[in-house]
Amino acid sequence: MFSEKAVPEWAQILDDADLPHEYFITFAAMIATGFSLVFPWTIVYFMIKHLTLALCPKEAAMFIIDHYLPELKEAVASI
């Protein structure tokens, strides 16, 4: 669809697309993953828990804390 439109029209195409437009979970997961590669797990959990509770909607924060972080901990345990 983008190849047929001018660049200035791309923003409107993305806004009208049938895609989720809330990126709280995506960005929280990316930040948590990056932190987990740099910091010890106890620091990652503490920082991400407090950041998501402060910056994300409650439902997104609970998903990151209750579901994503436990899986992430196992995934990066050997790194």
PDB file of N, CA and C in Angstrom:
ATOM      1  N   MET A   1       0.809  -1.193   0.000  1.00  0.00           N
ATOM      2  CA  MET A   1       0.000   0.000   0.000  1.00  0.00           C
ATOM      3  C   MET A   1       0.853   1.258   0.000  1.00  0.00           C
ATOM      4  N   PHE A   2       2.047   1.189   0.624  1.00  0.00           N
ATOM      5  CA  PHE A   2       2.897   2.371   0.691  1.00  0.00           C
ATOM      6  C   PHE A   2       3.543   2.690  -0.651  1.00  0.00           C
ATOM      7  N   SER A   3       3.796   1.685  -1.461  1.00  0.00           N
ATOM      8  CA  SER A   3       4.467   1.923  -2.731  1.00  0.00           C
ATOM      9  C   SER A   3       3.604   2.728  -3.692  1.00  0.00           C
ATOM     10  N   GLU A   4       2.321   2.742  -3.449  1.00  0.00           N
ATOM     11  CA  GLU A   4       1.409   3.462  -4.333  1.00  0.00           C
ATOM     12  C   GLU A   4       1.047   4.847  -3.815  1.00  0.00           C
ATOM     13  N   LYS A   5       1.525   5.214  -2.647  1.00  0.00           N
ATOM     14  CA  LYS A   5       1.162   6.502  -2.038  1.00  0.00           C
ATOM     15  C   LYS A   5       2.400   7.367  -1.853  1.00  0.00           C
ATOM     16  N   ALA A   6       2.170   8.652  -1.779  1.00  0.00           N
ATOM     17  CA  ALA A   6       3.249   9.603  -1.505  1.00  0.00           C
ATOM     18  C   ALA A   6       3.625   9.523  -0.025  1.00  0.00           C
ATOM     19  N   VAL A   7       4.869   9.808   0.281  1.00  0.00           N
ATOM     20  CA  VAL A   7       5.365   9.714   1.660  1.00  0.00           C
ATOM     21  C   VAL A   7       4.515  10.529   2.635  1.00  0.00           C
ATOM     22  N   PRO A   8       4.111  11.770   2.303  1.00  0.00           N
ATOM     23  CA  PRO A   8       3.292  12.524   3.267  1.00  0.00           C
ATOM     24  C   PRO A   8       1.966  11.849   3.635  1.00  0.00           C
ATOM     25  N   GLU A   9       1.508  10.904   2.839  1.00  0.00           N
ATOM     26  CA  GLU A   9       0.242  10.221   3.114  1.00  0.00           C
ATOM     27  C   GLU A   9       0.417   9.000   4.017  1.00  0.00           C
ATOM     28  N   TRP A  10       1.653   8.579   4.276  1.00  0.00           N
ATOM     29  CA  TRP A  10       1.894   7.359   5.043  1.00  0.00           C
ATOM     30  C   TRP A  10       1.347   7.434   6.459  1.00  0.00           C
ATOM     31  N   ALA A  11       1.472   8.578   7.114  1.00  0.00           N
ATOM     32  CA  ALA A  11       0.973   8.711   8.491  1.00  0.00           C
ATOM     33  C   ALA A  11      -0.528   8.453   8.542  1.00  0.00           C
ATOM     34  N   GLN A  12      -1.267   8.988   7.580  1.00  0.00           N
ATOM     35  CA  GLN A  12      -2.715   8.787   7.559  1.00  0.00           C
ATOM     36  C   GLN A  12      -3.060   7.328   7.280  1.00  0.00           C
ATOM     37  N   ILE A  13      -2.297   6.686   6.418  1.00  0.00           N
ATOM     38  CA  ILE A  13      -2.525   5.264   6.127  1.00  0.00           C
ATOM     39  C   ILE A  13      -2.327   4.433   7.391  1.00  0.00           C
ATOM     40  N   LEU A  14      -1.260   4.714   8.132  1.00  0.00           N
ATOM     41  CA  LEU A  14      -1.013   3.981   9.374  1.00  0.00           C
ATOM     42  C   LEU A  14      -2.091   4.245  10.410  1.00  0.00           C
ATOM     43  N   ASP A  15      -2.553   5.488  10.503  1.00  0.00           N
ATOM     44  CA  ASP A  15      -3.617   5.809  11.463  1.00  0.00           C
ATOM     45  C   ASP A  15      -4.915   5.094  11.131  1.00  0.00           C
ATOM     46  N   ASP A  16      -5.187   4.925   9.842  1.00  0.00           N
ATOM     47  CA  ASP A  16      -6.429   4.286   9.414  1.00  0.00           C
ATOM     48  C   ASP A  16      -6.337   2.764   9.348  1.00  0.00           C
ATOM     49  N   ALA A  17      -5.143   2.212   9.450  1.00  0.00           N
ATOM     50  CA  ALA A  17      -4.956   0.771   9.318  1.00  0.00           C
ATOM     51  C   ALA A  17      -5.619   0.021  10.471  1.00  0.00           C
ATOM     52  N   ASP A  18      -6.010  -1.187  10.170  1.00  0.00           N
ATOM     53  CA  ASP A  18      -6.655  -2.039  11.171  1.00  0.00           C
ATOM     54  C   ASP A  18      -5.573  -2.745  11.999  1.00  0.00           C
ATOM     55  N   LEU A  19      -4.845  -1.952  12.775  1.00  0.00           N
ATOM     56  CA  LEU A  19      -3.766  -2.427  13.627  1.00  0.00           C
ATOM     57  C   LEU A  19      -3.950  -1.851  15.020  1.00  0.00           C
ATOM     58  N   PRO A  20      -3.459  -2.534  16.034  1.00  0.00           N
ATOM     59  CA  PRO A  20      -3.514  -1.925  17.371  1.00  0.00           C
ATOM     60  C   PRO A  20      -2.641  -0.678  17.401  1.00  0.00           C
ATOM     61  N   HIS A  21      -3.135   0.358  18.019  1.00  0.00           N
ATOM     62  CA  HIS A  21      -2.403   1.620  18.078  1.00  0.00           C
ATOM     63  C   HIS A  21      -1.916   1.949  19.484  1.00  0.00           C
ATOM     64  N   GLU A  22      -2.026   1.015  20.381  1.00  0.00           N
ATOM     65  CA  GLU A  22      -1.513   1.211  21.731  1.00  0.00           C
ATOM     66  C   GLU A  22      -0.231   0.397  21.865  1.00  0.00           C
ATOM     67  N   TYR A  23       0.844   1.076  22.137  1.00  0.00           N
ATOM     68  CA  TYR A  23       2.145   0.431  22.124  1.00  0.00           C
ATOM     69  C   TYR A  23       2.753   0.293  23.513  1.00  0.00           C
ATOM     70  N   PHE A  24       1.970   0.423  24.569  1.00  0.00           N
ATOM     71  CA  PHE A  24       2.493   0.327  25.927  1.00  0.00           C
ATOM     72  C   PHE A  24       3.169  -1.019  26.172  1.00  0.00           C
ATOM     73  N   ILE A  25       2.515  -2.090  25.792  1.00  0.00           N
ATOM     74  CA  ILE A  25       3.072  -3.420  26.037  1.00  0.00           C
ATOM     75  C   ILE A  25       4.328  -3.629  25.195  1.00  0.00           C
ATOM     76  N   THR A  26       4.284  -3.205  23.943  1.00  0.00           N
ATOM     77  CA  THR A  26       5.435  -3.384  23.061  1.00  0.00           C
ATOM     78  C   THR A  26       6.660  -2.668  23.608  1.00  0.00           C
ATOM     79  N   PHE A  27       6.513  -1.403  23.956  1.00  0.00           N
ATOM     80  CA  PHE A  27       7.656  -0.640  24.446  1.00  0.00           C
ATOM     81  C   PHE A  27       8.117  -1.119  25.817  1.00  0.00           C
ATOM     82  N   ALA A  28       7.186  -1.474  26.685  1.00  0.00           N
ATOM     83  CA  ALA A  28       7.568  -1.992  28.002  1.00  0.00           C
ATOM     84  C   ALA A  28       8.351  -3.296  27.855  1.00  0.00           C
ATOM     85  N   ALA A  29       7.920  -4.147  26.940  1.00  0.00           N
ATOM     86  CA  ALA A  29       8.624  -5.412  26.725  1.00  0.00           C
ATOM     87  C   ALA A  29      10.014  -5.175  26.139  1.00  0.00           C
ATOM     88  N   MET A  30      10.138  -4.230  25.219  1.00  0.00           N
ATOM     89  CA  MET A  30      11.453  -3.928  24.643  1.00  0.00           C
ATOM     90  C   MET A  30      12.396  -3.379  25.706  1.00  0.00           C
ATOM     91  N   ILE A  31      11.910  -2.483  26.534  1.00  0.00           N
ATOM     92  CA  ILE A  31      12.744  -1.898  27.588  1.00  0.00           C
ATOM     93  C   ILE A  31      13.123  -2.967  28.611  1.00  0.00           C
ATOM     94  N   ALA A  32      12.166  -3.795  29.000  1.00  0.00           N
ATOM     95  CA  ALA A  32      12.454  -4.863  29.957  1.00  0.00           C
ATOM     96  C   ALA A  32      13.508  -5.823  29.401  1.00  0.00           C
ATOM     97  N   THR A  33      13.391  -6.159  28.145  1.00  0.00           N
ATOM     98  CA  THR A  33      14.357  -7.059  27.526  1.00  0.00           C
ATOM     99  C   THR A  33      15.745  -6.426  27.500  1.00  0.00           C
ATOM    100  N   GLY A  34      15.812  -5.164  27.109  1.00  0.00           N
ATOM    101  CA  GLY A  34      17.102  -4.468  27.104  1.00  0.00           C
ATOM    102  C   GLY A  34      17.717  -4.384  28.488  1.00  0.00           C
ATOM    103  N   PHE A  35      16.904  -4.032  29.475  1.00  0.00           N
ATOM    104  CA  PHE A  35      17.399  -3.960  30.859  1.00  0.00           C
ATOM    105  C   PHE A  35      17.903  -5.327  31.323  1.00  0.00           C
ATOM    106  N   SER A  36      17.193  -6.386  30.937  1.00  0.00           N
ATOM    107  CA  SER A  36      17.572  -7.724  31.411  1.00  0.00           C
ATOM    108  C   SER A  36      18.921  -8.174  30.854  1.00  0.00           C
ATOM    109  N   LEU A  37      19.348  -7.578  29.772  1.00  0.00           N
ATOM    110  CA  LEU A  37      20.643  -7.924  29.194  1.00  0.00           C
ATOM    111  C   LEU A  37      21.785  -7.124  29.809  1.00  0.00           C
ATOM    112  N   VAL A  38      21.443  -6.098  30.581  1.00  0.00           N
ATOM    113  CA  VAL A  38      22.460  -5.209  31.149  1.00  0.00           C
ATOM    114  C   VAL A  38      22.552  -5.318  32.666  1.00  0.00           C
ATOM    115  N   PHE A  39      21.398  -5.414  33.331  1.00  0.00           N
ATOM    116  CA  PHE A  39      21.353  -5.365  34.787  1.00  0.00           C
ATOM    117  C   PHE A  39      21.042  -6.724  35.393  1.00  0.00           C
ATOM    118  N   PRO A  40      21.388  -6.924  36.658  1.00  0.00           N
ATOM    119  CA  PRO A  40      20.969  -8.153  37.362  1.00  0.00           C
ATOM    120  C   PRO A  40      19.442  -8.216  37.454  1.00  0.00           C
ATOM    121  N   TRP A  41      18.919  -9.439  37.541  1.00  0.00           N
ATOM    122  CA  TRP A  41      17.472  -9.618  37.472  1.00  0.00           C
ATOM    123  C   TRP A  41      16.713  -8.866  38.571  1.00  0.00           C
ATOM    124  N   THR A  42      17.221  -8.820  39.775  1.00  0.00           N
ATOM    125  CA  THR A  42      16.492  -8.136  40.856  1.00  0.00           C
ATOM    126  C   THR A  42      16.303  -6.657  40.534  1.00  0.00           C
ATOM    127  N   ILE A  43      17.290  -6.050  39.920  1.00  0.00           N
ATOM    128  CA  ILE A  43      17.169  -4.639  39.533  1.00  0.00           C
ATOM    129  C   ILE A  43      16.178  -4.489  38.386  1.00  0.00           C
ATOM    130  N   VAL A  44      16.254  -5.391  37.410  1.00  0.00           N
ATOM    131  CA  VAL A  44      15.326  -5.347  36.274  1.00  0.00           C
ATOM    132  C   VAL A  44      13.889  -5.439  36.771  1.00  0.00           C
ATOM    133  N   TYR A  45      13.619  -6.426  37.601  1.00  0.00           N
ATOM    134  CA  TYR A  45      12.244  -6.616  38.085  1.00  0.00           C
ATOM    135  C   TYR A  45      11.756  -5.388  38.840  1.00  0.00           C
ATOM    136  N   PHE A  46      12.574  -4.855  39.716  1.00  0.00           N
ATOM    137  CA  PHE A  46      12.197  -3.683  40.501  1.00  0.00           C
ATOM    138  C   PHE A  46      11.918  -2.486  39.594  1.00  0.00           C
ATOM    139  N   MET A  47      12.830  -2.210  38.658  1.00  0.00           N
ATOM    140  CA  MET A  47      12.670  -1.041  37.788  1.00  0.00           C
ATOM    141  C   MET A  47      11.473  -1.180  36.857  1.00  0.00           C
ATOM    142  N   ILE A  48      11.357  -2.334  36.213  1.00  0.00           N
ATOM    143  CA  ILE A  48      10.267  -2.514  35.257  1.00  0.00           C
ATOM    144  C   ILE A  48       8.913  -2.524  35.959  1.00  0.00           C
ATOM    145  N   LYS A  49       8.844  -3.151  37.104  1.00  0.00           N
ATOM    146  CA  LYS A  49       7.575  -3.165  37.850  1.00  0.00           C
ATOM    147  C   LYS A  49       7.121  -1.743  38.165  1.00  0.00           C
ATOM    148  N   HIS A  50       8.018  -0.940  38.690  1.00  0.00           N
ATOM    149  CA  HIS A  50       7.637   0.421  39.071  1.00  0.00           C
ATOM    150  C   HIS A  50       7.408   1.329  37.862  1.00  0.00           C
ATOM    151  N   LEU A  51       8.198   1.155  36.824  1.00  0.00           N
ATOM    152  CA  LEU A  51       7.996   1.961  35.617  1.00  0.00           C
ATOM    153  C   LEU A  51       6.669   1.640  34.937  1.00  0.00           C
ATOM    154  N   THR A  52       6.351   0.352  34.806  1.00  0.00           N
ATOM    155  CA  THR A  52       5.098   0.003  34.141  1.00  0.00           C
ATOM    156  C   THR A  52       3.887   0.439  34.960  1.00  0.00           C
ATOM    157  N   LEU A  53       3.974   0.290  36.276  1.00  0.00           N
ATOM    158  CA  LEU A  53       2.849   0.737  37.107  1.00  0.00           C
ATOM    159  C   LEU A  53       2.665   2.251  37.031  1.00  0.00           C
ATOM    160  N   ALA A  54       3.759   2.985  36.862  1.00  0.00           N
ATOM    161  CA  ALA A  54       3.680   4.445  36.805  1.00  0.00           C
ATOM    162  C   ALA A  54       3.302   4.967  35.422  1.00  0.00           C
ATOM    163  N   LEU A  55       3.727   4.263  34.358  1.00  0.00           N
ATOM    164  CA  LEU A  55       3.603   4.831  33.014  1.00  0.00           C
ATOM    165  C   LEU A  55       2.589   4.145  32.100  1.00  0.00           C
ATOM    166  N   CYS A  56       2.195   2.936  32.416  1.00  0.00           N
ATOM    167  CA  CYS A  56       1.306   2.173  31.535  1.00  0.00           C
ATOM    168  C   CYS A  56      -0.086   2.057  32.144  1.00  0.00           C
ATOM    169  N   PRO A  57      -1.076   1.829  31.291  1.00  0.00           N
ATOM    170  CA  PRO A  57      -2.399   1.511  31.828  1.00  0.00           C
ATOM    171  C   PRO A  57      -2.311   0.242  32.678  1.00  0.00           C
ATOM    172  N   LYS A  58      -3.187   0.132  33.646  1.00  0.00           N
ATOM    173  CA  LYS A  58      -3.141  -0.970  34.621  1.00  0.00           C
ATOM    174  C   LYS A  58      -3.102  -2.345  33.944  1.00  0.00           C
ATOM    175  N   GLU A  59      -3.935  -2.552  32.936  1.00  0.00           N
ATOM    176  CA  GLU A  59      -4.005  -3.854  32.270  1.00  0.00           C
ATOM    177  C   GLU A  59      -2.671  -4.197  31.590  1.00  0.00           C
ATOM    178  N   ALA A  60      -2.073  -3.232  30.924  1.00  0.00           N
ATOM    179  CA  ALA A  60      -0.781  -3.466  30.268  1.00  0.00           C
ATOM    180  C   ALA A  60       0.311  -3.723  31.304  1.00  0.00           C
ATOM    181  N   ALA A  61       0.296  -2.965  32.385  1.00  0.00           N
ATOM    182  CA  ALA A  61       1.297  -3.153  33.443  1.00  0.00           C
ATOM    183  C   ALA A  61       1.172  -4.534  34.071  1.00  0.00           C
ATOM    184  N   MET A  62      -0.039  -4.978  34.324  1.00  0.00           N
ATOM    185  CA  MET A  62      -0.242  -6.294  34.924  1.00  0.00           C
ATOM    186  C   MET A  62       0.207  -7.407  33.985  1.00  0.00           C
ATOM    187  N   PHE A  63       0.009  -7.230  32.683  1.00  0.00           N
ATOM    188  CA  PHE A  63       0.474  -8.235  31.731  1.00  0.00           C
ATOM    189  C   PHE A  63       2.002  -8.332  31.775  1.00  0.00           C
ATOM    190  N   ILE A  64       2.672  -7.190  31.752  1.00  0.00           N
ATOM    191  CA  ILE A  64       4.137  -7.187  31.780  1.00  0.00           C
ATOM    192  C   ILE A  64       4.637  -7.823  33.081  1.00  0.00           C
ATOM    193  N   ILE A  65       4.075  -7.435  34.206  1.00  0.00           N
ATOM    194  CA  ILE A  65       4.553  -7.918  35.502  1.00  0.00           C
ATOM    195  C   ILE A  65       4.218  -9.391  35.720  1.00  0.00           C
ATOM    196  N   ASP A  66       2.982  -9.788  35.426  1.00  0.00           N
ATOM    197  CA  ASP A  66       2.525 -11.136  35.746  1.00  0.00           C
ATOM    198  C   ASP A  66       2.873 -12.191  34.697  1.00  0.00           C
ATOM    199  N   HIS A  67       2.994 -11.780  33.440  1.00  0.00           N
ATOM    200  CA  HIS A  67       3.188 -12.764  32.378  1.00  0.00           C
ATOM    201  C   HIS A  67       4.528 -12.626  31.659  1.00  0.00           C
ATOM    202  N   TYR A  68       4.863 -11.397  31.266  1.00  0.00           N
ATOM    203  CA  TYR A  68       6.073 -11.217  30.466  1.00  0.00           C
ATOM    204  C   TYR A  68       7.353 -11.377  31.281  1.00  0.00           C
ATOM    205  N   LEU A  69       7.421 -10.725  32.435  1.00  0.00           N
ATOM    206  CA  LEU A  69       8.652 -10.784  33.227  1.00  0.00           C
ATOM    207  C   LEU A  69       9.030 -12.205  33.666  1.00  0.00           C
ATOM    208  N   PRO A  70       8.095 -13.033  34.118  1.00  0.00           N
ATOM    209  CA  PRO A  70       8.494 -14.404  34.476  1.00  0.00           C
ATOM    210  C   PRO A  70       9.065 -15.192  33.288  1.00  0.00           C
ATOM    211  N   GLU A  71       8.479 -15.017  32.117  1.00  0.00           N
ATOM    212  CA  GLU A  71       8.987 -15.699  30.925  1.00  0.00           C
ATOM    213  C   GLU A  71      10.341 -15.129  30.518  1.00  0.00           C
ATOM    214  N   LEU A  72      10.474 -13.821  30.627  1.00  0.00           N
ATOM    215  CA  LEU A  72      11.737 -13.171  30.279  1.00  0.00           C
ATOM    216  C   LEU A  72      12.857 -13.636  31.204  1.00  0.00           C
ATOM    217  N   LYS A  73      12.544 -13.776  32.489  1.00  0.00           N
ATOM    218  CA  LYS A  73      13.554 -14.222  33.452  1.00  0.00           C
ATOM    219  C   LYS A  73      14.128 -15.573  33.040  1.00  0.00           C
ATOM    220  N   GLU A  74      13.265 -16.486  32.656  1.00  0.00           N
ATOM    221  CA  GLU A  74      13.738 -17.800  32.217  1.00  0.00           C
ATOM    222  C   GLU A  74      14.521 -17.707  30.907  1.00  0.00           C
ATOM    223  N   ALA A  75      14.082 -16.845  30.016  1.00  0.00           N
ATOM    224  CA  ALA A  75      14.718 -16.734  28.695  1.00  0.00           C
ATOM    225  C   ALA A  75      16.137 -16.176  28.781  1.00  0.00           C
ATOM    226  N   VAL A  76      16.386 -15.283  29.739  1.00  0.00           N
ATOM    227  CA  VAL A  76      17.710 -14.649  29.818  1.00  0.00           C
ATOM    228  C   VAL A  76      18.565 -15.232  30.948  1.00  0.00           C
ATOM    229  N   ALA A  77      18.110 -16.273  31.583  1.00  0.00           N
ATOM    230  CA  ALA A  77      18.832 -16.836  32.735  1.00  0.00           C
ATOM    231  C   ALA A  77      20.234 -17.296  32.365  1.00  0.00           C
ATOM    232  N   SER A  78      20.419 -17.781  31.163  1.00  0.00           N
ATOM    233  CA  SER A  78      21.735 -18.301  30.788  1.00  0.00           C
ATOM    234  C   SER A  78      22.598 -17.281  30.048  1.00  0.00           C
ATOM    235  N   ILE A  79      22.121 -16.073  29.943  1.00  0.00           N
ATOM    236  CA  ILE A  79      22.891 -15.028  29.227  1.00  0.00           C
ATOM    237  C   ILE A  79      23.781 -14.300  30.232  1.00  0.00           C
TER     238      ILE A  79
END
